[in-house]
Amino acid sequence: MVQRFRFDLKATDGRARTGVIATPRGEIRTPAFMPVGTAGTVKAMLPEQVRATGADIVLGNTYHLMLRPTAERIARLGGLHRFMNWDRPILTDSGGFQVMSLAELRKLSEKGVQFRSHIDGSRHELTPERSMEIQRLLGSDIVMCFDECPALPADEARVAESMRLSMRWAARSKEAFGDRPGHALFGIQQGGVTQELRAESAEALTAIGFDGYAIGGLAVGEGQEAMFGVLEYAPDMLPEGRPRYLMGVGKPDDIVGAVARGVDMMDCVLPTRSGRTGQAWTRRGQVNIKNARHADDPRPLDENCTCPACRHYSRAYLHHVFRAGEMISGMLLTWHNLHYFQSLMAGMRDAIAEGRFDGWQAQFHSDRAQGDIEPL
């Protein structure tokens, strides 16, 4: 008999939570940060390196994979896990956000979205039913409902209309998903920054019933203050015994603030994208390795970090290979950033389990306030 998806809440400290999501492909420790593997790869990293940073799960992207190489081709080749050589859990997003932000000539209707590919202009249609079919072909462990996400700021009438359409699509997604033991379907709460709309959305999703619940429609331009304002109430509107996933977040202080407000899972391209553009995230804040101050610096990015970039290479070398356009630059900085993000999650999990999350959080902010080490 296939093991069913399960969430065990182990401890709470204030509103912060730590637990374990059990799936047939392995456990996901929460709070969890999911590296983004948009096109079947976490950029500049091998799968075993991603795992070595502490990641329990990665994210794949329905929109990108349906266009290239296509979900049907991935299914013929044994599914996304085999295709990308990652044997642990994978979450796939529904494609809705990318259709709205990347695709050309979109046409939105009750049925779904018709659009042209940003790659070659070919015509496609994405509906709740087609999104569920693609994610089934990919074989992902956690499947996201198909939703619409308007960019903020938007007027309340537009946000309400979009949220209610997403709730109708959520019901269709649930029906199309069917009964798939060992696989989970997450609903996505919408409603912008309006508490009443968020409550209406949470009520609709809870009535449909999902294995987990995402908080969508944030980190889309509203700013941290507005996002935290929504997180003061939104997570508590969702069932306590199910994972809560904040989509598309984010910077380290966004992540810590979200966990403090009851979020269990998040994802963001930031650590990988930053790594390719010469930005390193450390416990003392952000380091821009492009800056000339690093050219003669024999010290590591962070003397307390155990990642390969910090153990074996100097700031001077990282500065040099970035300036020289060498591929190893993106590889080392990405590894460092993912290692830092996973260390952040591990630190929070331990602190919540031991009832010292407030102290941990204070130290996190104190370290970041120091800024980078002084130049030589």
Protein backbone atom coordinates (compact mmCIF):
# COMPACT_ATOMS: atom_id res chain seq x y z
CA MET A 1 0.00 0.00 0.00
CA VAL A 2 1.36 3.43 -0.99
CA GLN A 3 2.21 5.71 1.93
CA ARG A 4 -0.13 8.67 2.00
CA PHE A 5 0.98 12.28 2.32
CA ARG A 6 1.02 13.33 5.98
CA PHE A 7 1.99 16.40 8.02
CA ASP A 8 3.09 16.00 11.63
CA LEU A 9 3.35 19.23 13.61
CA LYS A 10 6.14 18.64 16.14
CA ALA A 11 6.41 21.92 18.07
CA THR A 12 5.32 25.53 18.13
CA ASP A 13 6.93 28.63 19.63
CA GLY A 14 4.60 31.58 19.46
CA ARG A 15 3.10 31.30 15.97
CA ALA A 16 6.26 29.68 14.53
CA ARG A 17 5.90 25.96 13.80
CA THR A 18 8.19 23.04 13.08
CA GLY A 19 7.17 19.65 11.78
CA VAL A 20 7.66 16.96 9.17
CA ILE A 21 5.83 16.34 5.89
CA ALA A 22 5.96 12.62 5.09
CA THR A 23 5.85 11.55 1.43
CA PRO A 24 6.70 8.24 -0.27
CA ARG A 25 9.88 9.87 -1.61
CA GLY A 26 11.13 11.11 1.74
CA GLU A 27 10.49 13.51 4.58
CA ILE A 28 10.42 17.30 4.29
CA ARG A 29 11.47 19.08 7.46
CA THR A 30 9.57 22.32 8.12
CA PRO A 31 10.05 25.22 8.01
CA ALA A 32 11.32 24.26 4.56
CA PHE A 33 12.94 26.32 1.82
CA MET A 34 12.49 24.85 -1.66
CA PRO A 35 15.18 25.68 -4.23
CA VAL A 36 13.62 26.51 -7.60
CA GLY A 37 14.42 24.13 -10.46
CA THR A 38 12.34 25.91 -13.10
CA ALA A 39 13.26 23.87 -16.18
CA GLY A 40 14.21 20.61 -14.48
CA THR A 41 17.44 21.91 -12.94
CA VAL A 42 18.47 24.09 -10.04
CA LYS A 43 20.71 26.38 -12.09
CA ALA A 44 24.50 25.89 -11.72
CA MET A 45 24.02 22.94 -9.32
CA LEU A 46 24.08 19.14 -9.59
CA PRO A 47 21.20 17.38 -7.77
CA GLU A 48 23.55 15.79 -5.24
CA GLN A 49 24.98 19.23 -4.48
CA VAL A 50 21.48 20.62 -3.91
CA ARG A 51 20.83 17.78 -1.49
CA ALA A 52 24.17 18.43 0.25
CA THR A 53 23.04 21.96 1.09
CA GLY A 54 20.22 20.44 3.17
CA ALA A 55 17.32 20.71 0.72
CA ASP A 56 14.61 18.07 1.18
CA ILE A 57 12.49 19.15 -1.81
CA VAL A 58 12.83 21.19 -5.00
CA LEU A 59 10.31 23.05 -7.12
CA GLY A 60 9.59 22.48 -10.82
CA ASN A 61 7.59 24.70 -13.14
CA THR A 62 4.54 23.56 -15.09
CA TYR A 63 4.59 26.45 -17.57
CA HIS A 64 8.24 26.08 -18.56
CA LEU A 65 8.22 22.27 -18.67
CA MET A 66 4.99 22.07 -20.71
CA LEU A 67 6.61 24.27 -23.37
CA ARG A 68 10.04 22.64 -23.30
CA PRO A 69 10.68 19.70 -23.41
CA THR A 70 6.88 19.04 -22.87
CA ALA A 71 5.26 17.04 -20.10
CA GLU A 72 4.47 14.21 -22.50
CA ARG A 73 8.15 13.77 -23.38
CA ILE A 74 9.16 13.81 -19.69
CA ALA A 75 6.50 11.16 -18.96
CA ARG A 76 7.81 8.94 -21.78
CA LEU A 77 11.29 9.26 -20.28
CA GLY A 78 10.16 8.09 -16.85
CA GLY A 79 8.86 11.24 -15.14
CA LEU A 80 10.53 14.38 -13.80
CA HIS A 81 12.37 12.68 -10.91
CA ARG A 82 14.23 10.31 -13.24
CA PHE A 83 14.62 12.96 -15.94
CA MET A 84 16.43 15.42 -13.65
CA ASN A 85 18.05 12.78 -11.41
CA TRP A 86 16.36 13.96 -8.20
CA ASP A 87 14.87 11.09 -6.18
CA ARG A 88 13.36 13.17 -3.38
CA PRO A 89 10.08 15.14 -3.33
CA ILE A 90 9.25 17.65 -6.04
CA LEU A 91 6.57 20.35 -5.88
CA THR A 92 5.31 21.72 -9.19
CA ASP A 93 3.54 25.05 -9.43
CA SER A 94 0.44 25.26 -11.60
CA GLY A 95 1.75 27.55 -14.32
CA GLY A 96 -0.77 30.28 -13.56
CA PHE A 97 1.70 32.88 -12.34
CA GLN A 98 4.06 32.37 -15.30
CA VAL A 99 1.22 32.60 -17.81
CA MET A 100 0.27 35.96 -16.32
CA SER A 101 3.85 37.28 -16.11
CA LEU A 102 5.67 35.73 -19.09
CA ALA A 103 3.30 34.59 -21.82
CA GLU A 104 2.29 36.81 -24.70
CA LEU A 105 -1.22 37.72 -25.91
CA ARG A 106 -3.08 36.17 -22.99
CA LYS A 107 -6.82 35.65 -23.17
CA LEU A 108 -8.48 34.89 -19.83
CA SER A 109 -11.88 33.19 -19.60
CA GLU A 110 -13.87 31.05 -17.18
CA LYS A 111 -12.44 27.98 -18.88
CA GLY A 112 -8.77 28.96 -18.46
CA VAL A 113 -6.09 30.96 -20.25
CA GLN A 114 -5.11 30.93 -23.91
CA PHE A 115 -1.65 32.29 -24.57
CA ARG A 116 1.34 32.36 -26.87
CA SER A 117 4.64 30.86 -25.73
CA HIS A 118 7.33 33.39 -24.83
CA ILE A 119 9.82 30.98 -26.47
CA ASP A 120 8.46 30.59 -30.00
CA GLY A 121 5.04 32.22 -30.11
CA SER A 122 3.17 28.88 -30.37
CA ARG A 123 -0.42 28.82 -29.12
CA HIS A 124 -1.40 26.98 -25.94
CA GLU A 125 -4.27 26.71 -23.52
CA LEU A 126 -3.94 26.12 -19.79
CA THR A 127 -7.00 25.15 -17.76
CA PRO A 128 -7.35 23.60 -14.30
CA GLU A 129 -7.82 20.21 -15.96
CA ARG A 130 -4.79 20.60 -18.26
CA SER A 131 -2.61 21.84 -15.38
CA MET A 132 -3.54 18.73 -13.36
CA GLU A 133 -2.79 16.52 -16.39
CA ILE A 134 0.64 18.11 -16.92
CA GLN A 135 1.57 17.78 -13.25
CA ARG A 136 0.42 14.13 -13.29
CA LEU A 137 2.61 13.47 -16.35
CA LEU A 138 5.55 15.11 -14.57
CA GLY A 139 4.91 12.88 -11.56
CA SER A 140 5.39 15.61 -8.94
CA ASP A 141 4.72 14.76 -5.30
CA ILE A 142 2.99 18.04 -4.44
CA VAL A 143 0.68 19.50 -7.08
CA MET A 144 -0.61 23.07 -7.01
CA CYS A 145 -4.10 24.15 -8.03
CA PHE A 146 -4.39 26.26 -11.14
CA ASP A 147 -5.07 29.86 -10.14
CA GLU A 148 -4.94 33.42 -11.39
CA CYS A 149 -2.71 35.93 -9.66
CA PRO A 150 -3.17 39.62 -10.51
CA ALA A 151 -0.13 41.83 -9.95
CA LEU A 152 -0.41 44.21 -7.01
CA PRO A 153 -1.34 46.95 -6.57
CA ALA A 154 -4.75 46.25 -8.12
CA ASP A 155 -8.18 47.64 -7.25
CA GLU A 156 -10.23 45.56 -4.82
CA ALA A 157 -12.92 44.70 -7.37
CA ARG A 158 -10.30 43.19 -9.69
CA VAL A 159 -8.71 41.26 -6.81
CA ALA A 160 -12.11 39.94 -5.67
CA GLU A 161 -13.08 38.85 -9.18
CA SER A 162 -9.73 37.11 -9.64
CA MET A 163 -9.92 35.37 -6.24
CA ARG A 164 -13.42 34.00 -6.91
CA LEU A 165 -12.35 32.73 -10.32
CA SER A 166 -9.37 31.02 -8.62
CA MET A 167 -11.72 29.37 -6.12
CA ARG A 168 -13.87 27.98 -8.97
CA TRP A 169 -10.69 26.76 -10.63
CA ALA A 170 -9.60 25.20 -7.29
CA ALA A 171 -12.76 23.08 -7.21
CA ARG A 172 -12.13 21.97 -10.81
CA SER A 173 -8.48 21.24 -9.98
CA LYS A 174 -9.55 19.02 -7.07
CA GLU A 175 -11.98 17.10 -9.26
CA ALA A 176 -9.42 16.66 -12.05
CA PHE A 177 -6.68 15.62 -9.60
CA GLY A 178 -8.77 12.65 -8.44
CA ASP A 179 -7.49 10.10 -5.95
CA ARG A 180 -3.70 9.76 -6.22
CA PRO A 181 -2.29 8.02 -3.12
CA GLY A 182 1.16 9.30 -2.24
CA HIS A 183 0.60 12.58 -4.09
CA ALA A 184 -0.77 15.79 -2.56
CA LEU A 185 -2.83 18.68 -3.92
CA PHE A 186 -2.48 22.15 -2.39
CA GLY A 187 -5.09 24.90 -2.67
CA ILE A 188 -3.97 28.51 -3.04
CA GLN A 189 -5.48 31.32 -0.98
CA GLN A 190 -5.88 34.59 -2.84
CA GLY A 191 -7.40 37.96 -1.96
CA GLY A 192 -4.58 40.47 -2.25
CA VAL A 193 -4.09 42.56 0.88
CA THR A 194 -7.79 42.59 1.87
CA GLN A 195 -8.58 40.59 5.01
CA GLU A 196 -12.21 39.91 4.09
CA LEU A 197 -11.26 38.52 0.68
CA ARG A 198 -8.54 36.34 2.25
CA ALA A 199 -11.13 34.98 4.71
CA GLU A 200 -13.59 34.25 1.90
CA SER A 201 -10.87 32.45 -0.05
CA ALA A 202 -9.73 30.39 2.96
CA GLU A 203 -13.34 29.35 3.67
CA ALA A 204 -13.87 28.26 0.07
CA LEU A 205 -10.62 26.24 -0.01
CA THR A 206 -11.30 24.57 3.35
CA ALA A 207 -14.76 23.54 2.14
CA ILE A 208 -13.21 21.89 -0.94
CA GLY A 209 -10.53 20.24 1.21
CA PHE A 210 -6.82 20.03 0.33
CA ASP A 211 -3.69 18.28 1.60
CA GLY A 212 -1.98 21.64 2.13
CA TYR A 213 -2.68 25.31 1.62
CA ALA A 214 -0.61 28.01 -0.06
CA ILE A 215 -0.76 31.74 0.50
CA GLY A 216 -0.60 33.17 -3.00
CA GLY A 217 -0.64 36.63 -4.47
CA LEU A 218 2.11 38.07 -2.27
CA ALA A 219 5.73 38.97 -3.07
CA VAL A 220 4.37 40.46 -6.31
CA GLY A 221 5.27 44.09 -5.68
CA GLU A 222 3.31 44.99 -2.55
CA GLY A 223 6.38 45.42 -0.32
CA GLN A 224 7.42 43.70 2.91
CA GLU A 225 5.26 45.80 5.23
CA ALA A 226 2.08 44.99 3.30
CA MET A 227 3.08 41.31 3.01
CA PHE A 228 3.71 40.99 6.75
CA GLY A 229 0.39 42.77 7.32
CA VAL A 230 -1.39 39.98 5.43
CA LEU A 231 0.66 37.30 7.21
CA GLU A 232 -0.57 38.64 10.57
CA TYR A 233 -3.89 36.93 9.81
CA ALA A 234 -3.75 34.83 6.61
CA PRO A 235 -1.91 31.71 7.91
CA ASP A 236 -4.28 31.41 10.88
CA MET A 237 -7.25 31.30 8.49
CA LEU A 238 -5.95 28.00 7.09
CA PRO A 239 -6.31 24.56 8.74
CA GLU A 240 -3.79 24.13 11.56
CA GLY A 241 -3.05 20.49 10.74
CA ARG A 242 -1.99 21.11 7.14
CA PRO A 243 1.22 22.63 5.72
CA ARG A 244 1.12 26.35 4.91
CA TYR A 245 3.17 27.43 1.91
CA LEU A 246 4.03 31.06 1.14
CA MET A 247 4.74 31.21 -2.57
CA GLY A 248 7.69 33.11 -4.03
CA VAL A 249 9.38 34.26 -0.80
CA GLY A 250 12.05 35.42 -0.52
CA LYS A 251 14.84 37.38 1.11
CA PRO A 252 16.21 36.04 4.41
CA ASP A 253 14.37 38.61 6.54
CA ASP A 254 11.16 37.89 4.59
CA ILE A 255 11.58 34.19 5.33
CA VAL A 256 12.23 34.69 9.04
CA GLY A 257 9.27 37.06 9.33
CA ALA A 258 7.03 34.58 7.52
CA VAL A 259 8.05 31.68 9.78
CA ALA A 260 7.41 33.88 12.82
CA ARG A 261 3.86 34.32 11.51
CA GLY A 262 3.09 30.63 11.03
CA VAL A 263 4.40 29.72 7.53
CA ASP A 264 5.87 26.22 6.97
CA MET A 265 7.17 26.26 3.37
CA MET A 266 8.51 28.79 0.89
CA ASP A 267 10.43 29.01 -2.38
CA CYS A 268 12.31 31.67 -4.29
CA VAL A 269 14.75 32.05 -7.19
CA LEU A 270 16.72 34.59 -5.15
CA PRO A 271 19.65 32.43 -3.91
CA THR A 272 20.31 30.96 -7.35
CA ARG A 273 19.71 34.15 -9.34
CA SER A 274 21.85 36.15 -6.92
CA GLY A 275 24.63 33.59 -7.21
CA ARG A 276 24.78 34.05 -10.97
CA THR A 277 24.92 37.84 -10.67
CA GLY A 278 27.70 38.07 -8.08
CA GLN A 279 25.56 38.47 -4.96
CA ALA A 280 26.23 36.38 -1.86
CA TRP A 281 23.88 36.15 1.12
CA THR A 282 25.58 35.76 4.49
CA ARG A 283 24.58 35.98 8.14
CA ARG A 284 25.93 39.56 8.07
CA GLY A 285 23.86 40.56 5.08
CA GLN A 286 24.54 40.76 1.37
CA VAL A 287 28.00 40.77 -0.23
CA ASN A 288 28.52 42.11 -3.76
CA ILE A 289 31.54 40.12 -4.96
CA LYS A 290 31.87 42.42 -8.01
CA ASN A 291 33.18 45.25 -5.80
CA ALA A 292 36.88 46.08 -6.13
CA ARG A 293 37.33 45.90 -2.33
CA HIS A 294 37.41 42.08 -2.65
CA ALA A 295 40.20 41.90 -5.27
CA ASP A 296 43.04 41.36 -2.73
CA ASP A 297 40.99 39.86 0.13
CA PRO A 298 42.25 36.38 1.13
CA ARG A 299 39.38 35.84 3.59
CA PRO A 300 36.30 33.67 2.90
CA LEU A 301 32.83 35.08 2.31
CA ASP A 302 31.89 33.94 5.83
CA GLU A 303 34.43 32.36 8.17
CA ASN A 304 31.68 30.41 9.95
CA CYS A 305 30.20 28.92 6.77
CA THR A 306 31.05 25.31 5.85
CA CYS A 307 30.07 25.43 2.15
CA PRO A 308 32.79 24.70 -0.47
CA ALA A 309 32.95 28.36 -1.56
CA CYS A 310 33.83 29.43 1.97
CA ARG A 311 36.01 26.43 2.92
CA HIS A 312 38.22 26.40 -0.15
CA TYR A 313 38.13 29.80 -1.89
CA SER A 314 38.91 33.40 -1.01
CA ARG A 315 36.90 36.52 -1.73
CA ALA A 316 39.75 37.49 -4.07
CA TYR A 317 39.28 34.32 -6.12
CA LEU A 318 35.49 34.68 -6.22
CA HIS A 319 35.92 38.29 -7.34
CA HIS A 320 38.38 37.22 -10.05
CA VAL A 321 36.26 34.41 -11.55
CA PHE A 322 33.16 36.61 -11.58
CA ARG A 323 35.04 39.40 -13.35
CA ALA A 324 36.51 36.87 -15.78
CA GLY A 325 33.07 35.47 -16.62
CA GLU A 326 34.01 31.96 -15.49
CA MET A 327 31.19 29.46 -14.91
CA ILE A 328 32.66 28.41 -11.56
CA SER A 329 31.66 31.83 -10.21
CA GLY A 330 27.94 31.11 -10.50
CA MET A 331 28.45 27.54 -9.28
CA LEU A 332 30.30 28.52 -6.09
CA LEU A 333 28.12 31.51 -5.21
CA THR A 334 24.92 29.55 -5.86
CA TRP A 335 26.14 26.70 -3.65
CA HIS A 336 27.00 29.19 -0.92
CA ASN A 337 23.63 30.94 -1.14
CA LEU A 338 21.63 27.71 -1.06
CA HIS A 339 23.76 26.47 1.85
CA TYR A 340 23.08 29.72 3.72
CA PHE A 341 19.32 29.55 3.10
CA GLN A 342 19.19 25.92 4.27
CA SER A 343 21.30 26.75 7.35
CA LEU A 344 18.78 29.49 8.11
CA MET A 345 15.92 26.96 7.97
CA ALA A 346 17.81 24.44 10.15
CA GLY A 347 18.52 27.15 12.71
CA MET A 348 14.85 28.07 12.89
CA ARG A 349 13.73 24.44 13.15
CA ASP A 350 16.06 23.86 16.11
CA ALA A 351 15.12 27.13 17.80
CA ILE A 352 11.36 26.45 17.51
CA ALA A 353 11.76 22.88 18.79
CA GLU A 354 13.76 24.15 21.78
CA GLY A 355 11.44 27.07 22.55
CA ARG A 356 14.01 29.80 21.89
CA PHE A 357 12.80 31.24 18.61
CA ASP A 358 12.52 34.83 19.90
CA GLY A 359 16.18 34.79 20.94
CA TRP A 360 17.24 33.21 17.65
CA GLN A 361 15.31 35.86 15.73
CA ALA A 362 16.92 38.68 17.73
CA GLN A 363 20.40 37.26 17.02
CA PHE A 364 19.56 36.93 13.30
CA HIS A 365 18.64 40.62 13.07
CA SER A 366 21.63 41.65 15.21
CA ASP A 367 24.07 39.77 12.95
CA ARG A 368 22.59 41.32 9.81
CA ALA A 369 22.70 44.82 11.31
CA GLN A 370 26.52 44.54 11.62
CA GLY A 371 26.91 44.53 7.86
CA ASP A 372 29.79 42.94 6.00
CA ILE A 373 33.25 42.61 7.54
CA GLU A 374 35.49 45.66 7.21
CA PRO A 375 37.67 45.84 4.08
CA LEU A 376 41.35 45.06 4.53
